Amino acid sequence: MNIKNLLPFAAILIAAASAIAQTNPPPPAPPANPQADSGYRFAYGGDVAQVPAQFVSNLVFLPVSINQGEPSLFLLDTTAATSSIDPSRAASLGLTNDAGAVHNAVLSVPGLSWLAPALPLVARDGLVPQIGRSYQGTLGLDFLSRFVVQIDYTRKSVQIYDPHSYTPPDKKLAQPLKWASGLPYVSCKFSVHGERASTAPFLVDTSQPAGIVFRDQYFSAHIHNFEHFKTIPGMYGQETGDVPAAVGRLAAFSLEKFESLNLVGTIAHGAIAGESDSSAAGLIGSAYLRRYVLIFDSPHQQMFFEPNIHFIDRDDVDMSGLTILARGPNHKSFEVVFADPDGPAAHAGVQVGDIIAGIDDEAAADLSLDQVQDMFRQTDSKYKVLIERKGQTLTVNFQTRRLI
């Protein structure tokens, strides 16, 4: 099928969108086709699309085609108000734009097409160093608000359902969604050793690689024995820049009846980008969400969290004491942006600003950021690391160990 075949469908969708936008329209008759009236269409008259996804640092990327063009990998982001496309990606696809947006674009994933009256051009350069890959676009809350979206982190797939015919799983597992400044929150319970459990809203952020992140103002105000909470220094990475953080183990963390023990909590010593609810404790990101089959049901104002095989996984952080970001045109320059002074790597001589050029005789060019981070999460592993520092090449050796 080419773009000419899609034009009649696009015209129908544009007309529907214009009708919806009119002020004080007459009461509409019940639609014969709810999908066409809503500006989307599932393939073969169905009501669900099974979409193969790519998972990078537990972030979810879907193959999205625009006007039947070459697919681009779009990040599924529960904190982005609108879907968007990277300007350079739009240019490479030959998409014309007016006033910073691609207009009347028909977007599609396998099994589903929908109309985007305006797809803004937005660069997210701050995300690239955290994931070590090029960024092409985002599917935001304007998309998520139209469908029921199920993320299966184990099978690495996403299912998208028509909300008009969706049948939820056990309603007892429903978690109400609370909205603040247009962002989704769920209620979670947590405790540290020696403290009573606290309950607070947490922002659901599928675009954040970290797991459980607290605002330091909330944590220090609600944890009375904060000085006895054992932590190590670290960095909390976000698109607006890295901020210092403290990392420690929680006694328990739960969503409804599903309780996890000894998970890692990060206390950000600075603003959490996008977090807007002053009563919220922080956010839950993809490193925590990966423990569930996640169903985001915005049309019905609820979420479902079904534990998967990763639910009982031990929660660990980097055991070298390093925080590493990917730089350079091919994302193969692995820069050390933080080194815990008590960590194995710092003891061996690794410094902030060093570039990791190789690990165990394997060149950095043959590794991904995910692979490097996975190596350094292995306990009691010995590594020979090639370092570039101010024009010099050094070799350091260290053995990882649990720091918390």
Protein backbone atom coordinates (compact mmCIF):
# COMPACT_ATOMS: atom_id res chain seq x y z
CA MET A 1 0.00 0.00 0.00
CA ASN A 2 1.32 3.48 -0.86
CA ILE A 3 0.41 6.90 0.46
CA LYS A 4 -2.25 7.38 -2.25
CA ASN A 5 -4.15 4.39 -0.89
CA LEU A 6 -4.09 5.97 2.56
CA LEU A 7 -5.43 9.38 1.53
CA PRO A 8 -9.15 8.50 1.74
CA PHE A 9 -8.64 7.15 5.26
CA ALA A 10 -6.67 10.26 6.23
CA ALA A 11 -9.40 12.51 4.84
CA ILE A 12 -12.00 10.72 6.95
CA LEU A 13 -9.86 11.08 10.04
CA ILE A 14 -9.14 14.77 9.41
CA ALA A 15 -12.85 15.46 8.97
CA ALA A 16 -13.61 13.60 12.18
CA ALA A 17 -10.96 15.51 14.09
CA SER A 18 -12.29 18.85 12.76
CA ALA A 19 -15.84 17.95 13.81
CA ILE A 20 -14.68 17.09 17.28
CA ALA A 21 -12.84 20.41 17.56
CA GLN A 22 -15.94 22.55 16.73
CA THR A 23 -17.34 24.55 19.60
CA ASN A 24 -20.83 23.60 20.80
CA PRO A 25 -21.46 20.95 18.12
CA PRO A 26 -24.94 19.41 17.90
CA PRO A 27 -25.39 16.15 19.84
CA PRO A 28 -23.85 13.44 17.64
CA ALA A 29 -25.71 10.32 16.65
CA PRO A 30 -24.25 7.09 18.02
CA PRO A 31 -21.37 6.22 15.66
CA ALA A 32 -21.66 3.12 13.52
CA ASN A 33 -17.88 2.77 13.74
CA PRO A 34 -16.37 4.02 17.03
CA GLN A 35 -12.85 3.60 15.60
CA ALA A 36 -13.40 5.93 12.63
CA ASP A 37 -15.17 8.44 14.87
CA SER A 38 -12.18 8.37 17.23
CA GLY A 39 -9.60 8.82 14.48
CA TYR A 40 -7.99 5.37 14.56
CA ARG A 41 -8.41 1.99 12.89
CA PHE A 42 -7.28 -1.49 13.83
CA ALA A 43 -6.34 -3.85 11.02
CA TYR A 44 -8.84 -6.40 9.67
CA GLY A 45 -11.68 -4.91 11.69
CA GLY A 46 -10.09 -6.08 14.92
CA ASP A 47 -9.71 -4.40 18.29
CA VAL A 48 -6.15 -5.25 19.36
CA ALA A 49 -2.66 -4.82 17.90
CA GLN A 50 0.30 -6.97 18.91
CA VAL A 51 3.42 -4.83 18.47
CA PRO A 52 7.01 -6.15 18.65
CA ALA A 53 8.99 -3.72 20.77
CA GLN A 54 12.62 -3.00 21.48
CA PHE A 55 13.68 -2.60 25.10
CA VAL A 56 16.78 -0.53 25.91
CA SER A 57 17.62 -0.03 29.59
CA ASN A 58 14.05 -1.30 30.13
CA LEU A 59 12.68 1.65 28.13
CA VAL A 60 10.08 0.68 25.52
CA PHE A 61 10.49 1.62 21.84
CA LEU A 62 7.77 0.92 19.26
CA PRO A 63 8.23 0.84 15.46
CA VAL A 64 6.11 3.76 14.23
CA SER A 65 5.59 4.56 10.55
CA ILE A 66 4.45 7.99 9.40
CA ASN A 67 2.38 8.12 6.22
CA GLN A 68 3.46 4.54 5.46
CA GLY A 69 7.13 5.54 5.47
CA GLU A 70 10.13 3.79 6.95
CA PRO A 71 9.49 2.85 10.61
CA SER A 72 11.10 4.91 13.38
CA LEU A 73 11.59 3.76 16.96
CA PHE A 74 9.40 5.89 19.24
CA LEU A 75 9.83 5.90 23.01
CA LEU A 76 6.67 5.08 24.97
CA ASP A 77 6.58 7.89 27.54
CA THR A 78 3.89 8.26 30.22
CA THR A 79 5.19 11.73 31.14
CA ALA A 80 5.23 13.38 27.70
CA ALA A 81 2.11 15.46 27.12
CA THR A 82 2.24 14.98 23.35
CA SER A 83 3.80 12.62 20.86
CA SER A 84 6.64 14.10 18.81
CA ILE A 85 9.37 13.31 16.31
CA ASP A 86 13.03 14.24 16.39
CA PRO A 87 13.71 17.07 13.87
CA SER A 88 16.66 15.27 12.25
CA ARG A 89 14.61 12.09 11.92
CA ALA A 90 11.75 14.00 10.30
CA ALA A 91 14.21 15.54 7.84
CA SER A 92 15.73 12.17 6.97
CA LEU A 93 12.24 10.84 6.21
CA GLY A 94 11.50 13.83 3.97
CA LEU A 95 8.58 14.97 6.12
CA THR A 96 7.63 18.56 5.47
CA ASN A 97 6.73 20.65 8.46
CA ASP A 98 5.11 23.96 9.17
CA ALA A 99 5.78 25.96 12.34
CA GLY A 100 7.72 23.12 13.92
CA ALA A 101 5.30 20.25 13.36
CA VAL A 102 4.31 17.62 10.81
CA HIS A 103 0.61 18.14 10.17
CA ASN A 104 -2.14 15.59 9.47
CA ALA A 105 0.23 12.66 9.78
CA VAL A 106 -1.14 9.13 9.74
CA LEU A 107 0.88 7.12 12.25
CA SER A 108 0.88 3.34 12.34
CA VAL A 109 2.30 0.37 14.18
CA PRO A 110 1.67 -3.23 13.09
CA GLY A 111 -2.09 -3.68 13.30
CA LEU A 112 -3.13 -0.09 14.08
CA SER A 113 -3.25 3.33 12.37
CA TRP A 114 -4.29 6.68 13.82
CA LEU A 115 -4.29 10.36 12.90
CA ALA A 116 -2.02 12.95 14.49
CA PRO A 117 -3.34 16.37 13.44
CA ALA A 118 0.00 17.88 14.51
CA LEU A 119 3.19 15.95 15.35
CA PRO A 120 5.64 18.44 16.91
CA LEU A 121 9.36 18.37 16.13
CA VAL A 122 11.12 17.91 19.47
CA ALA A 123 14.73 16.93 20.13
CA ARG A 124 15.54 15.03 23.32
CA ASP A 125 19.32 15.19 23.27
CA GLY A 126 19.57 14.67 27.04
CA LEU A 127 18.09 11.19 26.75
CA VAL A 128 20.68 9.84 24.30
CA PRO A 129 23.66 9.58 26.72
CA GLN A 130 21.51 7.62 29.19
CA ILE A 131 20.40 4.97 26.69
CA GLY A 132 23.37 4.88 24.33
CA ARG A 133 21.38 5.00 21.12
CA SER A 134 19.91 7.53 18.72
CA TYR A 135 16.55 9.07 19.56
CA GLN A 136 13.84 9.25 16.88
CA GLY A 137 10.53 10.09 18.50
CA THR A 138 8.05 9.77 21.39
CA LEU A 139 4.57 8.35 21.88
CA GLY A 140 3.13 10.43 24.68
CA LEU A 141 -0.06 10.82 26.68
CA ASP A 142 -2.07 12.01 23.68
CA PHE A 143 -1.54 8.49 22.27
CA LEU A 144 -1.85 6.67 25.60
CA SER A 145 -5.11 8.44 26.45
CA ARG A 146 -6.80 6.88 23.40
CA PHE A 147 -5.94 3.23 24.00
CA VAL A 148 -5.34 0.58 26.61
CA VAL A 149 -1.65 -0.30 26.41
CA GLN A 150 -0.13 -3.47 27.89
CA ILE A 151 3.66 -3.75 28.24
CA ASP A 152 5.12 -7.22 28.65
CA TYR A 153 8.73 -6.75 29.75
CA THR A 154 9.42 -10.49 29.68
CA ARG A 155 8.14 -11.19 26.18
CA LYS A 156 9.33 -7.79 24.95
CA SER A 157 6.05 -6.97 23.32
CA VAL A 158 3.29 -4.38 23.57
CA GLN A 159 -0.41 -4.94 23.04
CA ILE A 160 -2.69 -2.02 22.18
CA TYR A 161 -6.42 -2.44 22.77
CA ASP A 162 -9.48 -0.54 21.61
CA PRO A 163 -10.89 0.92 24.87
CA HIS A 164 -14.47 0.49 23.60
CA SER A 165 -14.21 -3.31 23.68
CA TYR A 166 -11.41 -3.90 26.19
CA THR A 167 -12.08 -6.42 28.95
CA PRO A 168 -9.72 -5.86 31.89
CA PRO A 169 -8.12 -8.63 33.93
CA ASP A 170 -9.16 -9.23 37.53
CA LYS A 171 -10.71 -5.91 38.63
CA LYS A 172 -9.35 -6.54 42.11
CA LEU A 173 -5.91 -5.76 40.71
CA ALA A 174 -6.95 -2.32 39.40
CA GLN A 175 -4.88 0.58 40.68
CA PRO A 176 -6.62 3.98 40.37
CA LEU A 177 -4.76 6.62 38.40
CA LYS A 178 -4.44 10.03 40.00
CA TRP A 179 -3.63 12.97 37.74
CA ALA A 180 -1.70 16.10 38.72
CA SER A 181 -0.77 18.72 36.12
CA GLY A 182 -1.65 16.19 33.44
CA LEU A 183 0.71 13.49 34.75
CA PRO A 184 -0.23 9.99 36.02
CA TYR A 185 0.37 8.91 39.63
CA VAL A 186 -0.36 5.72 41.56
CA SER A 187 -0.37 5.14 45.29
CA CYS A 188 2.53 3.08 46.69
CA LYS A 189 3.54 1.97 50.16
CA PHE A 190 7.14 1.89 51.32
CA SER A 191 9.19 1.51 54.47
CA VAL A 192 12.79 1.55 55.60
CA HIS A 193 14.19 -0.65 58.34
CA GLY A 194 13.02 0.47 61.76
CA GLU A 195 10.22 2.72 60.41
CA ARG A 196 6.49 2.35 59.96
CA ALA A 197 5.28 2.11 56.37
CA SER A 198 4.27 5.29 54.53
CA THR A 199 1.83 5.62 51.63
CA ALA A 200 2.22 8.29 48.95
CA PRO A 201 1.62 8.94 45.26
CA PHE A 202 4.44 8.16 42.83
CA LEU A 203 4.69 9.39 39.26
CA VAL A 204 4.60 6.55 36.71
CA ASP A 205 7.50 7.29 34.33
CA THR A 206 8.21 4.75 31.60
CA SER A 207 10.89 7.08 30.17
CA GLN A 208 13.11 6.90 33.28
CA PRO A 209 15.76 4.12 33.35
CA ALA A 210 16.02 4.29 37.17
CA GLY A 211 13.72 2.30 39.47
CA ILE A 212 12.35 4.01 42.58
CA VAL A 213 13.33 7.67 42.94
CA PHE A 214 12.43 9.85 45.92
CA ARG A 215 12.37 13.60 46.27
CA ASP A 216 14.83 14.30 49.08
CA GLN A 217 12.43 16.84 50.64
CA TYR A 218 9.74 14.17 50.97
CA PHE A 219 12.09 11.44 52.17
CA SER A 220 13.77 13.52 54.85
CA ALA A 221 10.39 14.83 56.07
CA HIS A 222 8.80 11.39 56.41
CA ILE A 223 11.70 9.16 57.46
CA HIS A 224 12.53 9.96 61.08
CA ASN A 225 15.61 7.74 61.28
CA PHE A 226 17.04 9.09 58.04
CA GLU A 227 20.52 9.34 59.55
CA HIS A 228 20.46 5.57 60.18
CA PHE A 229 19.42 4.76 56.60
CA LYS A 230 22.60 3.36 55.04
CA THR A 231 23.31 4.92 51.66
CA ILE A 232 26.11 5.33 49.16
CA PRO A 233 26.63 8.40 46.97
CA GLY A 234 25.49 8.28 43.37
CA MET A 235 23.98 10.23 40.51
CA TYR A 236 20.37 10.46 39.37
CA GLY A 237 20.29 10.82 35.60
CA GLN A 238 17.60 12.85 33.88
CA GLU A 239 17.35 14.65 30.57
CA THR A 240 17.81 18.06 32.15
CA GLY A 241 21.09 16.94 33.70
CA ASP A 242 22.47 14.62 36.34
CA VAL A 243 21.97 15.50 39.99
CA PRO A 244 23.73 14.10 43.08
CA ALA A 245 21.85 11.35 44.86
CA ALA A 246 22.00 8.91 47.76
CA VAL A 247 21.24 5.24 47.10
CA GLY A 248 20.07 2.77 49.75
CA ARG A 249 17.92 -0.29 50.35
CA LEU A 250 14.27 -0.02 51.34
CA ALA A 251 12.78 -2.53 53.74
CA ALA A 252 9.70 -2.94 51.55
CA PHE A 253 7.92 -1.34 48.59
CA SER A 254 4.48 -2.33 47.40
CA LEU A 255 1.68 -1.67 44.93
CA GLU A 256 -1.58 -2.88 46.43
CA LYS A 257 -0.96 -6.48 47.59
CA PHE A 258 2.33 -7.00 45.74
CA GLU A 259 5.19 -6.31 48.12
CA SER A 260 8.89 -6.41 47.24
CA LEU A 261 11.65 -6.52 49.83
CA ASN A 262 15.09 -4.86 49.83
CA LEU A 263 14.62 -2.88 46.64
CA VAL A 264 17.01 -0.03 45.88
CA GLY A 265 15.75 3.50 46.40
CA THR A 266 17.43 6.59 44.97
CA ILE A 267 17.05 9.88 46.82
CA ALA A 268 17.59 12.73 44.36
CA HIS A 269 19.27 15.79 45.88
CA GLY A 270 17.63 18.11 43.40
CA ALA A 271 14.46 18.62 41.37
CA ILE A 272 12.95 15.62 39.62
CA ALA A 273 12.17 16.71 36.08
CA GLY A 274 8.47 16.56 35.26
CA GLU A 275 7.36 15.72 38.81
CA SER A 276 4.69 18.23 39.80
CA ASP A 277 2.61 16.86 42.70
CA SER A 278 3.85 18.43 45.94
CA SER A 279 2.35 15.53 47.91
CA ALA A 280 4.15 12.92 45.82
CA ALA A 281 7.11 10.98 47.17
CA GLY A 282 8.83 10.68 43.79
CA LEU A 283 8.56 8.39 40.77
CA ILE A 284 8.68 4.75 39.73
CA GLY A 285 10.71 4.17 36.58
CA SER A 286 11.40 1.32 34.21
CA ALA A 287 13.89 -0.56 36.42
CA TYR A 288 10.99 -1.11 38.84
CA LEU A 289 8.15 -1.39 36.30
CA ARG A 290 9.97 -4.24 34.50
CA ARG A 291 8.89 -6.53 37.37
CA TYR A 292 5.30 -6.44 36.10
CA VAL A 293 3.11 -6.92 33.10
CA LEU A 294 2.03 -3.29 33.03
CA ILE A 295 -1.41 -2.25 31.73
CA PHE A 296 -1.86 1.50 31.30
CA ASP A 297 -5.60 2.10 30.98
CA SER A 298 -5.93 5.85 30.80
CA PRO A 299 -9.43 5.81 29.20
CA HIS A 300 -10.75 4.09 32.34
CA GLN A 301 -8.46 5.97 34.77
CA GLN A 302 -6.69 2.88 36.08
CA MET A 303 -3.59 0.73 35.86
CA PHE A 304 -2.92 -2.96 36.38
CA PHE A 305 0.33 -4.41 37.71
CA GLU A 306 0.68 -8.18 37.28
CA PRO A 307 3.96 -9.61 38.65
CA ASN A 308 6.10 -11.42 36.07
CA ILE A 309 9.11 -13.74 36.43
CA HIS A 310 11.34 -10.76 37.32
CA PHE A 311 9.24 -9.81 40.33
CA ILE A 312 11.51 -11.67 42.78
CA ASP A 313 14.80 -10.62 41.12
CA ARG A 314 17.39 -9.19 43.47
CA ASP A 315 17.69 -5.46 43.00
CA ASP A 316 21.31 -4.37 42.50
CA VAL A 317 23.14 -1.27 41.41
CA ASP A 318 26.48 -0.81 39.67
CA MET A 319 29.14 -2.62 41.68
CA SER A 320 32.12 -0.73 40.31
CA GLY A 321 30.97 2.53 41.88
CA LEU A 322 30.78 4.25 38.49
CA THR A 323 28.09 6.14 36.62
CA ILE A 324 28.72 6.01 32.88
CA LEU A 325 27.13 7.84 29.96
CA ALA A 326 27.45 7.23 26.22
CA ARG A 327 28.92 10.05 24.16
CA GLY A 328 30.12 10.57 20.59
CA PRO A 329 28.44 10.19 17.20
CA ASN A 330 28.12 6.40 17.52
CA HIS A 331 27.45 6.39 21.30
CA LYS A 332 30.61 4.33 21.82
CA SER A 333 32.53 6.80 23.96
CA PHE A 334 31.72 5.68 27.51
CA GLU A 335 32.43 8.58 29.83
CA VAL A 336 32.72 8.27 33.61
CA VAL A 337 30.56 11.06 35.08
CA PHE A 338 30.68 9.86 38.69
CA ALA A 339 33.01 7.64 40.71
CA ASP A 340 32.15 6.62 44.27
CA PRO A 341 35.39 7.33 46.19
CA ASP A 342 34.84 4.11 48.19
CA GLY A 343 34.08 2.00 45.11
CA PRO A 344 36.43 -0.57 43.51
CA ALA A 345 36.96 1.44 40.32
CA ALA A 346 37.94 4.64 42.14
CA HIS A 347 40.32 2.67 44.39
CA ALA A 348 41.94 1.32 41.22
CA GLY A 349 42.45 4.86 39.92
CA VAL A 350 39.42 5.53 37.68
CA GLN A 351 38.47 9.21 37.68
CA VAL A 352 35.55 11.36 36.55
CA GLY A 353 36.12 12.34 32.93
CA ASP A 354 37.87 9.09 32.01
CA ILE A 355 36.75 7.35 28.82
CA ILE A 356 36.38 3.58 28.93
CA ALA A 357 38.04 2.39 25.72
CA GLY A 358 37.82 -1.34 26.35
CA ILE A 359 37.03 -4.06 28.87
CA ASP A 360 38.91 -7.38 29.06
CA ASP A 361 40.52 -6.91 25.65
CA GLU A 362 37.16 -6.14 24.04
CA ALA A 363 37.09 -2.71 22.38
CA ALA A 364 34.44 -0.22 23.44
CA ALA A 365 33.40 0.01 19.78
CA ASP A 366 32.14 -3.58 20.07
CA LEU A 367 30.08 -2.90 23.21
CA SER A 368 26.85 -1.08 23.96
CA LEU A 369 26.17 1.06 27.02
CA ASP A 370 23.73 -1.62 28.22
CA GLN A 371 26.47 -4.27 28.00
CA VAL A 372 28.97 -2.17 29.93
CA GLN A 373 26.44 -1.44 32.66
CA ASP A 374 25.43 -5.11 32.87
CA MET A 375 29.08 -6.14 33.31
CA PHE A 376 29.57 -3.78 36.21
CA ARG A 377 26.40 -5.04 37.92
CA GLN A 378 27.94 -8.51 38.33
CA THR A 379 29.26 -9.16 41.82
CA ASP A 380 32.84 -10.32 42.51
CA SER A 381 33.86 -10.05 38.85
CA LYS A 382 37.38 -9.04 37.87
CA TYR A 383 37.88 -6.65 34.96
CA LYS A 384 40.82 -5.21 33.08
CA VAL A 385 39.68 -1.81 31.86
CA LEU A 386 41.40 0.34 29.24
CA ILE A 387 41.09 4.04 30.10
CA GLU A 388 41.72 7.13 27.98
CA ARG A 389 42.62 10.21 29.97
CA LYS A 390 43.84 13.50 28.50
CA GLY A 391 45.54 11.84 25.55
CA GLN A 392 47.02 9.00 27.57
CA THR A 393 45.97 5.35 27.65
CA LEU A 394 45.96 3.56 30.99
CA THR A 395 45.04 0.08 32.16
CA VAL A 396 43.34 -0.46 35.52
CA ASN A 397 42.20 -3.65 37.19
CA PHE A 398 39.44 -3.97 39.75
CA GLN A 399 36.96 -6.47 41.17
CA THR A 400 33.33 -5.52 41.63
CA ARG A 401 31.53 -5.94 44.95
CA ARG A 402 28.19 -5.07 46.44
CA LEU A 403 28.25 -1.54 47.80
CA ILE A 404 24.82 -1.60 49.52
